Amino acid sequence: MASRPRIHIHTSALKREFDEADILHALNNAIRTFEDDDGLTMVIGAACNPTLIEVGYVLRDDGSLFVIHTMKARTKYLKRFQKPR
């Protein structure tokens, strides 16, 4: 069984209304993951309440996650869930 990566949370990820428990809950219960060209991975998941949040992290050389961004999920990510009509 593979072990989970270590998660480090930078203070910049805590400057909005979401705390460490919300970040960990969203990461552990990810609904969708997007990789940006700049090396940032964005995860969409629920905070401890049902609010969908986006959590941005970079993968370190040692395999750990360094979370640098958290906020309520923006439309540009939520649109990716919609099916074309």
PDB file of N, CA and C in Angstrom:
ATOM      1  N   MET A   1       0.850  -1.183   0.000  1.00  0.00           N
ATOM      2  CA  MET A   1       0.000   0.000   0.000  1.00  0.00           C
ATOM      3  C   MET A   1       0.891   1.239   0.000  1.00  0.00           C
ATOM      4  N   ALA A   2       0.636   2.140  -0.935  1.00  0.00           N
ATOM      5  CA  ALA A   2       1.437   3.360  -1.044  1.00  0.00           C
ATOM      6  C   ALA A   2       1.084   4.336   0.080  1.00  0.00           C
ATOM      7  N   SER A   3       2.099   4.996   0.593  1.00  0.00           N
ATOM      8  CA  SER A   3       1.836   5.979   1.647  1.00  0.00           C
ATOM      9  C   SER A   3       1.399   7.300   1.027  1.00  0.00           C
ATOM     10  N   ARG A   4       0.673   8.067   1.798  1.00  0.00           N
ATOM     11  CA  ARG A   4       0.219   9.378   1.331  1.00  0.00           C
ATOM     12  C   ARG A   4       1.382  10.354   1.407  1.00  0.00           C
ATOM     13  N   PRO A   5       1.411  11.309   0.486  1.00  0.00           N
ATOM     14  CA  PRO A   5       2.491  12.299   0.537  1.00  0.00           C
ATOM     15  C   PRO A   5       2.313  13.228   1.741  1.00  0.00           C
ATOM     16  N   ARG A   6       3.420  13.742   2.233  1.00  0.00           N
ATOM     17  CA  ARG A   6       3.363  14.754   3.292  1.00  0.00           C
ATOM     18  C   ARG A   6       2.792  16.023   2.694  1.00  0.00           C
ATOM     19  N   ILE A   7       2.055  16.754   3.500  1.00  0.00           N
ATOM     20  CA  ILE A   7       1.421  17.989   3.042  1.00  0.00           C
ATOM     21  C   ILE A   7       1.897  19.131   3.926  1.00  0.00           C
ATOM     22  N   HIS A   8       2.458  20.148   3.293  1.00  0.00           N
ATOM     23  CA  HIS A   8       2.894  21.366   3.978  1.00  0.00           C
ATOM     24  C   HIS A   8       1.964  22.480   3.511  1.00  0.00           C
ATOM     25  N   ILE A   9       1.453  23.267   4.441  1.00  0.00           N
ATOM     26  CA  ILE A   9       0.524  24.335   4.098  1.00  0.00           C
ATOM     27  C   ILE A   9       1.167  25.681   4.422  1.00  0.00           C
ATOM     28  N   HIS A  10       1.384  26.475   3.384  1.00  0.00           N
ATOM     29  CA  HIS A  10       1.971  27.808   3.550  1.00  0.00           C
ATOM     30  C   HIS A  10       0.905  28.759   4.099  1.00  0.00           C
ATOM     31  N   THR A  11       1.331  29.772   4.819  1.00  0.00           N
ATOM     32  CA  THR A  11       0.393  30.737   5.392  1.00  0.00           C
ATOM     33  C   THR A  11      -0.436  31.445   4.320  1.00  0.00           C
ATOM     34  N   SER A  12       0.082  31.549   3.103  1.00  0.00           N
ATOM     35  CA  SER A  12      -0.681  32.193   2.022  1.00  0.00           C
ATOM     36  C   SER A  12      -1.962  31.427   1.715  1.00  0.00           C
ATOM     37  N   ALA A  13      -1.978  30.124   1.985  1.00  0.00           N
ATOM     38  CA  ALA A  13      -3.171  29.308   1.736  1.00  0.00           C
ATOM     39  C   ALA A  13      -4.216  29.474   2.832  1.00  0.00           C
ATOM     40  N   LEU A  14      -3.841  30.147   3.915  1.00  0.00           N
ATOM     41  CA  LEU A  14      -4.751  30.299   5.052  1.00  0.00           C
ATOM     42  C   LEU A  14      -5.276  31.714   5.202  1.00  0.00           C
ATOM     43  N   LYS A  15      -5.049  32.563   4.219  1.00  0.00           N
ATOM     44  CA  LYS A  15      -5.427  33.969   4.377  1.00  0.00           C
ATOM     45  C   LYS A  15      -6.899  34.241   4.094  1.00  0.00           C
ATOM     46  N   ARG A  16      -7.621  33.277   3.598  1.00  0.00           N
ATOM     47  CA  ARG A  16      -9.061  33.452   3.388  1.00  0.00           C
ATOM     48  C   ARG A  16      -9.805  32.708   4.489  1.00  0.00           C
ATOM     49  N   GLU A  17     -11.072  32.439   4.285  1.00  0.00           N
ATOM     50  CA  GLU A  17     -11.916  31.883   5.343  1.00  0.00           C
ATOM     51  C   GLU A  17     -11.709  30.397   5.627  1.00  0.00           C
ATOM     52  N   PHE A  18     -10.837  29.730   4.890  1.00  0.00           N
ATOM     53  CA  PHE A  18     -10.677  28.286   5.039  1.00  0.00           C
ATOM     54  C   PHE A  18      -9.434  27.957   5.854  1.00  0.00           C
ATOM     55  N   ASP A  19      -9.542  26.908   6.676  1.00  0.00           N
ATOM     56  CA  ASP A  19      -8.435  26.549   7.545  1.00  0.00           C
ATOM     57  C   ASP A  19      -7.795  25.229   7.106  1.00  0.00           C
ATOM     58  N   GLU A  20      -6.835  24.786   7.897  1.00  0.00           N
ATOM     59  CA  GLU A  20      -6.082  23.571   7.576  1.00  0.00           C
ATOM     60  C   GLU A  20      -6.991  22.352   7.429  1.00  0.00           C
ATOM     61  N   ALA A  21      -7.985  22.229   8.284  1.00  0.00           N
ATOM     62  CA  ALA A  21      -8.908  21.087   8.208  1.00  0.00           C
ATOM     63  C   ALA A  21      -9.673  21.100   6.884  1.00  0.00           C
ATOM     64  N   ASP A  22     -10.099  22.296   6.431  1.00  0.00           N
ATOM     65  CA  ASP A  22     -10.798  22.404   5.152  1.00  0.00           C
ATOM     66  C   ASP A  22      -9.894  21.994   3.991  1.00  0.00           C
ATOM     67  N   ILE A  23      -8.649  22.440   4.033  1.00  0.00           N
ATOM     68  CA  ILE A  23      -7.691  22.117   2.975  1.00  0.00           C
ATOM     69  C   ILE A  23      -7.453  20.612   2.902  1.00  0.00           C
ATOM     70  N   LEU A  24      -7.204  20.003   4.045  1.00  0.00           N
ATOM     71  CA  LEU A  24      -6.957  18.559   4.075  1.00  0.00           C
ATOM     72  C   LEU A  24      -8.186  17.770   3.635  1.00  0.00           C
ATOM     73  N   HIS A  25      -9.364  18.222   4.027  1.00  0.00           N
ATOM     74  CA  HIS A  25     -10.597  17.545   3.622  1.00  0.00           C
ATOM     75  C   HIS A  25     -10.757  17.602   2.101  1.00  0.00           C
ATOM     76  N   ALA A  26     -10.519  18.767   1.516  1.00  0.00           N
ATOM     77  CA  ALA A  26     -10.639  18.908   0.063  1.00  0.00           C
ATOM     78  C   ALA A  26      -9.617  18.041  -0.672  1.00  0.00           C
ATOM     79  N   LEU A  27      -8.383  18.016  -0.175  1.00  0.00           N
ATOM     80  CA  LEU A  27      -7.350  17.196  -0.822  1.00  0.00           C
ATOM     81  C   LEU A  27      -7.661  15.705  -0.713  1.00  0.00           C
ATOM     82  N   ASN A  28      -8.132  15.280   0.439  1.00  0.00           N
ATOM     83  CA  ASN A  28      -8.420  13.858   0.664  1.00  0.00           C
ATOM     84  C   ASN A  28      -9.704  13.405  -0.015  1.00  0.00           C
ATOM     85  N   ASN A  29     -10.545  14.345  -0.421  1.00  0.00           N
ATOM     86  CA  ASN A  29     -11.825  14.026  -1.058  1.00  0.00           C
ATOM     87  C   ASN A  29     -11.974  14.810  -2.360  1.00  0.00           C
ATOM     88  N   ALA A  30     -10.923  14.836  -3.130  1.00  0.00           N
ATOM     89  CA  ALA A  30     -10.900  15.620  -4.370  1.00  0.00           C
ATOM     90  C   ALA A  30     -11.967  15.139  -5.344  1.00  0.00           C
ATOM     91  N   ILE A  31     -12.642  16.115  -5.953  1.00  0.00           N
ATOM     92  CA  ILE A  31     -13.629  15.816  -6.982  1.00  0.00           C
ATOM     93  C   ILE A  31     -12.967  15.871  -8.356  1.00  0.00           C
ATOM     94  N   ARG A  32     -12.064  16.822  -8.512  1.00  0.00           N
ATOM     95  CA  ARG A  32     -11.383  17.014  -9.800  1.00  0.00           C
ATOM     96  C   ARG A  32     -10.015  17.634  -9.566  1.00  0.00           C
ATOM     97  N   THR A  33      -9.051  17.299 -10.392  1.00  0.00           N
ATOM     98  CA  THR A  33      -7.705  17.849 -10.310  1.00  0.00           C
ATOM     99  C   THR A  33      -7.306  18.372 -11.682  1.00  0.00           C
ATOM    100  N   PHE A  34      -6.715  19.571 -11.693  1.00  0.00           N
ATOM    101  CA  PHE A  34      -6.259  20.195 -12.931  1.00  0.00           C
ATOM    102  C   PHE A  34      -4.798  20.568 -12.766  1.00  0.00           C
ATOM    103  N   GLU A  35      -3.985  20.300 -13.778  1.00  0.00           N
ATOM    104  CA  GLU A  35      -2.585  20.709 -13.755  1.00  0.00           C
ATOM    105  C   GLU A  35      -2.401  21.893 -14.686  1.00  0.00           C
ATOM    106  N   ASP A  36      -1.857  22.978 -14.147  1.00  0.00           N
ATOM    107  CA  ASP A  36      -1.583  24.168 -14.948  1.00  0.00           C
ATOM    108  C   ASP A  36      -0.191  24.074 -15.557  1.00  0.00           C
ATOM    109  N   ASP A  37       0.057  24.880 -16.573  1.00  0.00           N
ATOM    110  CA  ASP A  37       1.349  24.878 -17.259  1.00  0.00           C
ATOM    111  C   ASP A  37       2.495  25.355 -16.375  1.00  0.00           C
ATOM    112  N   ASP A  38       2.181  26.116 -15.342  1.00  0.00           N
ATOM    113  CA  ASP A  38       3.233  26.681 -14.483  1.00  0.00           C
ATOM    114  C   ASP A  38       3.649  25.756 -13.337  1.00  0.00           C
ATOM    115  N   GLY A  39       3.212  24.512 -13.362  1.00  0.00           N
ATOM    116  CA  GLY A  39       3.603  23.556 -12.331  1.00  0.00           C
ATOM    117  C   GLY A  39       2.685  23.527 -11.123  1.00  0.00           C
ATOM    118  N   LEU A  40       1.619  24.323 -11.153  1.00  0.00           N
ATOM    119  CA  LEU A  40       0.659  24.359 -10.054  1.00  0.00           C
ATOM    120  C   LEU A  40      -0.445  23.349 -10.327  1.00  0.00           C
ATOM    121  N   THR A  41      -0.768  22.552  -9.337  1.00  0.00           N
ATOM    122  CA  THR A  41      -1.881  21.621  -9.443  1.00  0.00           C
ATOM    123  C   THR A  41      -3.040  22.182  -8.638  1.00  0.00           C
ATOM    124  N   MET A  42      -4.213  22.260  -9.261  1.00  0.00           N
ATOM    125  CA  MET A  42      -5.412  22.757  -8.598  1.00  0.00           C
ATOM    126  C   MET A  42      -6.351  21.592  -8.346  1.00  0.00           C
ATOM    127  N   VAL A  43      -6.804  21.499  -7.116  1.00  0.00           N
ATOM    128  CA  VAL A  43      -7.744  20.466  -6.708  1.00  0.00           C
ATOM    129  C   VAL A  43      -9.058  21.136  -6.349  1.00  0.00           C
ATOM    130  N   ILE A  44     -10.154  20.590  -6.847  1.00  0.00           N
ATOM    131  CA  ILE A  44     -11.482  21.038  -6.450  1.00  0.00           C
ATOM    132  C   ILE A  44     -12.043  19.968  -5.523  1.00  0.00           C
ATOM    133  N   GLY A  45     -12.468  20.399  -4.353  1.00  0.00           N
ATOM    134  CA  GLY A  45     -13.042  19.486  -3.378  1.00  0.00           C
ATOM    135  C   GLY A  45     -13.843  20.269  -2.367  1.00  0.00           C
ATOM    136  N   ALA A  46     -14.547  19.564  -1.519  1.00  0.00           N
ATOM    137  CA  ALA A  46     -15.378  20.222  -0.513  1.00  0.00           C
ATOM    138  C   ALA A  46     -14.563  20.519   0.740  1.00  0.00           C
ATOM    139  N   ALA A  47     -14.837  21.687   1.313  1.00  0.00           N
ATOM    140  CA  ALA A  47     -14.303  22.004   2.637  1.00  0.00           C
ATOM    141  C   ALA A  47     -15.051  21.114   3.631  1.00  0.00           C
ATOM    142  N   CYS A  48     -14.811  21.282   4.900  1.00  0.00           N
ATOM    143  CA  CYS A  48     -15.512  20.473   5.911  1.00  0.00           C
ATOM    144  C   CYS A  48     -17.016  20.704   5.857  1.00  0.00           C
ATOM    145  N   ASN A  49     -17.430  21.889   5.414  1.00  0.00           N
ATOM    146  CA  ASN A  49     -18.843  22.121   5.111  1.00  0.00           C
ATOM    147  C   ASN A  49     -19.007  21.836   3.623  1.00  0.00           C
ATOM    148  N   PRO A  50     -20.182  21.954   3.037  1.00  0.00           N
ATOM    149  CA  PRO A  50     -20.325  21.584   1.622  1.00  0.00           C
ATOM    150  C   PRO A  50     -19.804  22.600   0.603  1.00  0.00           C
ATOM    151  N   THR A  51     -19.068  23.618   1.033  1.00  0.00           N
ATOM    152  CA  THR A  51     -18.540  24.613   0.109  1.00  0.00           C
ATOM    153  C   THR A  51     -17.451  24.007  -0.766  1.00  0.00           C
ATOM    154  N   LEU A  52     -17.576  24.166  -2.089  1.00  0.00           N
ATOM    155  CA  LEU A  52     -16.518  23.701  -2.987  1.00  0.00           C
ATOM    156  C   LEU A  52     -15.385  24.720  -2.971  1.00  0.00           C
ATOM    157  N   ILE A  53     -14.168  24.223  -2.760  1.00  0.00           N
ATOM    158  CA  ILE A  53     -13.000  25.097  -2.737  1.00  0.00           C
ATOM    159  C   ILE A  53     -11.961  24.604  -3.736  1.00  0.00           C
ATOM    160  N   GLU A  54     -11.073  25.510  -4.109  1.00  0.00           N
ATOM    161  CA  GLU A  54      -9.925  25.154  -4.933  1.00  0.00           C
ATOM    162  C   GLU A  54      -8.682  25.244  -4.064  1.00  0.00           C
ATOM    163  N   VAL A  55      -7.857  24.242  -4.156  1.00  0.00           N
ATOM    164  CA  VAL A  55      -6.612  24.177  -3.398  1.00  0.00           C
ATOM    165  C   VAL A  55      -5.486  24.028  -4.409  1.00  0.00           C
ATOM    166  N   GLY A  56      -4.531  24.958  -4.374  1.00  0.00           N
ATOM    167  CA  GLY A  56      -3.410  24.911  -5.298  1.00  0.00           C
ATOM    168  C   GLY A  56      -2.138  24.487  -4.583  1.00  0.00           C
ATOM    169  N   TYR A  57      -1.424  23.555  -5.191  1.00  0.00           N
ATOM    170  CA  TYR A  57      -0.169  23.100  -4.594  1.00  0.00           C
ATOM    171  C   TYR A  57       0.878  22.838  -5.667  1.00  0.00           C
ATOM    172  N   VAL A  58       2.126  22.838  -5.219  1.00  0.00           N
ATOM    173  CA  VAL A  58       3.230  22.399  -6.065  1.00  0.00           C
ATOM    174  C   VAL A  58       3.797  21.130  -5.455  1.00  0.00           C
ATOM    175  N   LEU A  59       4.273  20.264  -6.302  1.00  0.00           N
ATOM    176  CA  LEU A  59       4.884  19.021  -5.864  1.00  0.00           C
ATOM    177  C   LEU A  59       6.375  19.257  -5.661  1.00  0.00           C
ATOM    178  N   ARG A  60       6.852  18.997  -4.474  1.00  0.00           N
ATOM    179  CA  ARG A  60       8.275  19.192  -4.168  1.00  0.00           C
ATOM    180  C   ARG A  60       9.094  18.003  -4.647  1.00  0.00           C
ATOM    181  N   ASP A  61      10.400  18.202  -4.714  1.00  0.00           N
ATOM    182  CA  ASP A  61      11.305  17.133  -5.154  1.00  0.00           C
ATOM    183  C   ASP A  61      11.234  15.899  -4.264  1.00  0.00           C
ATOM    184  N   ASP A  62      10.923  16.097  -2.976  1.00  0.00           N
ATOM    185  CA  ASP A  62      10.843  14.965  -2.046  1.00  0.00           C
ATOM    186  C   ASP A  62       9.497  14.250  -2.091  1.00  0.00           C
ATOM    187  N   GLY A  63       8.595  14.692  -2.997  1.00  0.00           N
ATOM    188  CA  GLY A  63       7.294  14.057  -3.157  1.00  0.00           C
ATOM    189  C   GLY A  63       6.196  14.656  -2.295  1.00  0.00           C
ATOM    190  N   SER A  64       6.536  15.611  -1.444  1.00  0.00           N
ATOM    191  CA  SER A  64       5.521  16.234  -0.598  1.00  0.00           C
ATOM    192  C   SER A  64       4.770  17.319  -1.371  1.00  0.00           C
ATOM    193  N   LEU A  65       3.590  17.659  -0.878  1.00  0.00           N
ATOM    194  CA  LEU A  65       2.776  18.709  -1.477  1.00  0.00           C
ATOM    195  C   LEU A  65       2.969  19.990  -0.682  1.00  0.00           C
ATOM    196  N   PHE A  66       3.148  21.101  -1.383  1.00  0.00           N
ATOM    197  CA  PHE A  66       3.302  22.409  -0.749  1.00  0.00           C
ATOM    198  C   PHE A  66       2.107  23.254  -1.179  1.00  0.00           C
ATOM    199  N   VAL A  67       1.126  23.372  -0.285  1.00  0.00           N
ATOM    200  CA  VAL A  67      -0.111  24.081  -0.585  1.00  0.00           C
ATOM    201  C   VAL A  67       0.128  25.581  -0.442  1.00  0.00           C
ATOM    202  N   ILE A  68      -0.176  26.316  -1.516  1.00  0.00           N
ATOM    203  CA  ILE A  68       0.067  27.758  -1.495  1.00  0.00           C
ATOM    204  C   ILE A  68      -1.188  28.585  -1.769  1.00  0.00           C
ATOM    205  N   HIS A  69      -2.306  27.930  -2.076  1.00  0.00           N
ATOM    206  CA  HIS A  69      -3.504  28.670  -2.491  1.00  0.00           C
ATOM    207  C   HIS A  69      -4.755  27.929  -2.058  1.00  0.00           C
ATOM    208  N   THR A  70      -5.715  28.665  -1.490  1.00  0.00           N
ATOM    209  CA  THR A  70      -7.033  28.121  -1.173  1.00  0.00           C
ATOM    210  C   THR A  70      -8.061  29.239  -1.259  1.00  0.00           C
ATOM    211  N   MET A  71      -9.169  28.956  -1.912  1.00  0.00           N
ATOM    212  CA  MET A  71     -10.280  29.901  -1.943  1.00  0.00           C
ATOM    213  C   MET A  71     -11.524  29.170  -2.430  1.00  0.00           C
ATOM    214  N   LYS A  72     -12.669  29.835  -2.308  1.00  0.00           N
ATOM    215  CA  LYS A  72     -13.901  29.277  -2.843  1.00  0.00           C
ATOM    216  C   LYS A  72     -13.692  29.034  -4.336  1.00  0.00           C
ATOM    217  N   ALA A  73     -14.155  27.891  -4.813  1.00  0.00           N
ATOM    218  CA  ALA A  73     -13.938  27.513  -6.212  1.00  0.00           C
ATOM    219  C   ALA A  73     -14.514  28.550  -7.164  1.00  0.00           C
ATOM    220  N   ARG A  74     -13.680  28.978  -8.104  1.00  0.00           N
ATOM    221  CA  ARG A  74     -14.084  29.983  -9.089  1.00  0.00           C
ATOM    222  C   ARG A  74     -14.802  29.349 -10.279  1.00  0.00           C
ATOM    223  N   THR A  75     -15.551  30.167 -10.961  1.00  0.00           N
ATOM    224  CA  THR A  75     -16.334  29.732 -12.110  1.00  0.00           C
ATOM    225  C   THR A  75     -15.461  29.073 -13.173  1.00  0.00           C
ATOM    226  N   LYS A  76     -14.256  29.598 -13.390  1.00  0.00           N
ATOM    227  CA  LYS A  76     -13.416  29.043 -14.467  1.00  0.00           C
ATOM    228  C   LYS A  76     -13.082  27.573 -14.232  1.00  0.00           C
ATOM    229  N   TYR A  77     -13.064  27.129 -12.981  1.00  0.00           N
ATOM    230  CA  TYR A  77     -12.848  25.705 -12.702  1.00  0.00           C
ATOM    231  C   TYR A  77     -14.168  24.943 -12.678  1.00  0.00           C
ATOM    232  N   LEU A  78     -15.202  25.563 -12.138  1.00  0.00           N
ATOM    233  CA  LEU A  78     -16.494  24.889 -12.064  1.00  0.00           C
ATOM    234  C   LEU A  78     -17.089  24.652 -13.452  1.00  0.00           C
ATOM    235  N   LYS A  79     -16.797  25.514 -14.419  1.00  0.00           N
ATOM    236  CA  LYS A  79     -17.287  25.340 -15.788  1.00  0.00           C
ATOM    237  C   LYS A  79     -16.775  24.045 -16.406  1.00  0.00           C
ATOM    238  N   ARG A  80     -15.635  23.610 -15.953  1.00  0.00           N
ATOM    239  CA  ARG A  80     -15.064  22.376 -16.517  1.00  0.00           C
ATOM    240  C   ARG A  80     -15.862  21.137 -16.141  1.00  0.00           C
ATOM    241  N   PHE A  81     -16.774  21.266 -15.174  1.00  0.00           N
ATOM    242  CA  PHE A  81     -17.632  20.152 -14.785  1.00  0.00           C
ATOM    243  C   PHE A  81     -18.842  20.023 -15.704  1.00  0.00           C
ATOM    244  N   GLN A  82     -19.202  21.116 -16.364  1.00  0.00           N
ATOM    245  CA  GLN A  82     -20.418  21.131 -17.187  1.00  0.00           C
ATOM    246  C   GLN A  82     -20.196  20.354 -18.476  1.00  0.00           C
ATOM    247  N   LYS A  83     -21.212  19.638 -18.858  1.00  0.00           N
ATOM    248  CA  LYS A  83     -21.153  18.901 -20.120  1.00  0.00           C
ATOM    249  C   LYS A  83     -21.617  19.811 -21.254  1.00  0.00           C
ATOM    250  N   PRO A  84     -20.984  19.730 -22.426  1.00  0.00           N
ATOM    251  CA  PRO A  84     -21.457  20.531 -23.561  1.00  0.00           C
ATOM    252  C   PRO A  84     -22.845  20.077 -23.985  1.00  0.00           C
ATOM    253  N   ARG A  85     -23.656  21.034 -24.421  1.00  0.00           N
ATOM    254  CA  ARG A  85     -25.015  20.699 -24.858  1.00  0.00           C
ATOM    255  C   ARG A  85     -25.100  20.557 -26.349  1.00  0.00           C
TER     256      ARG A  85
END
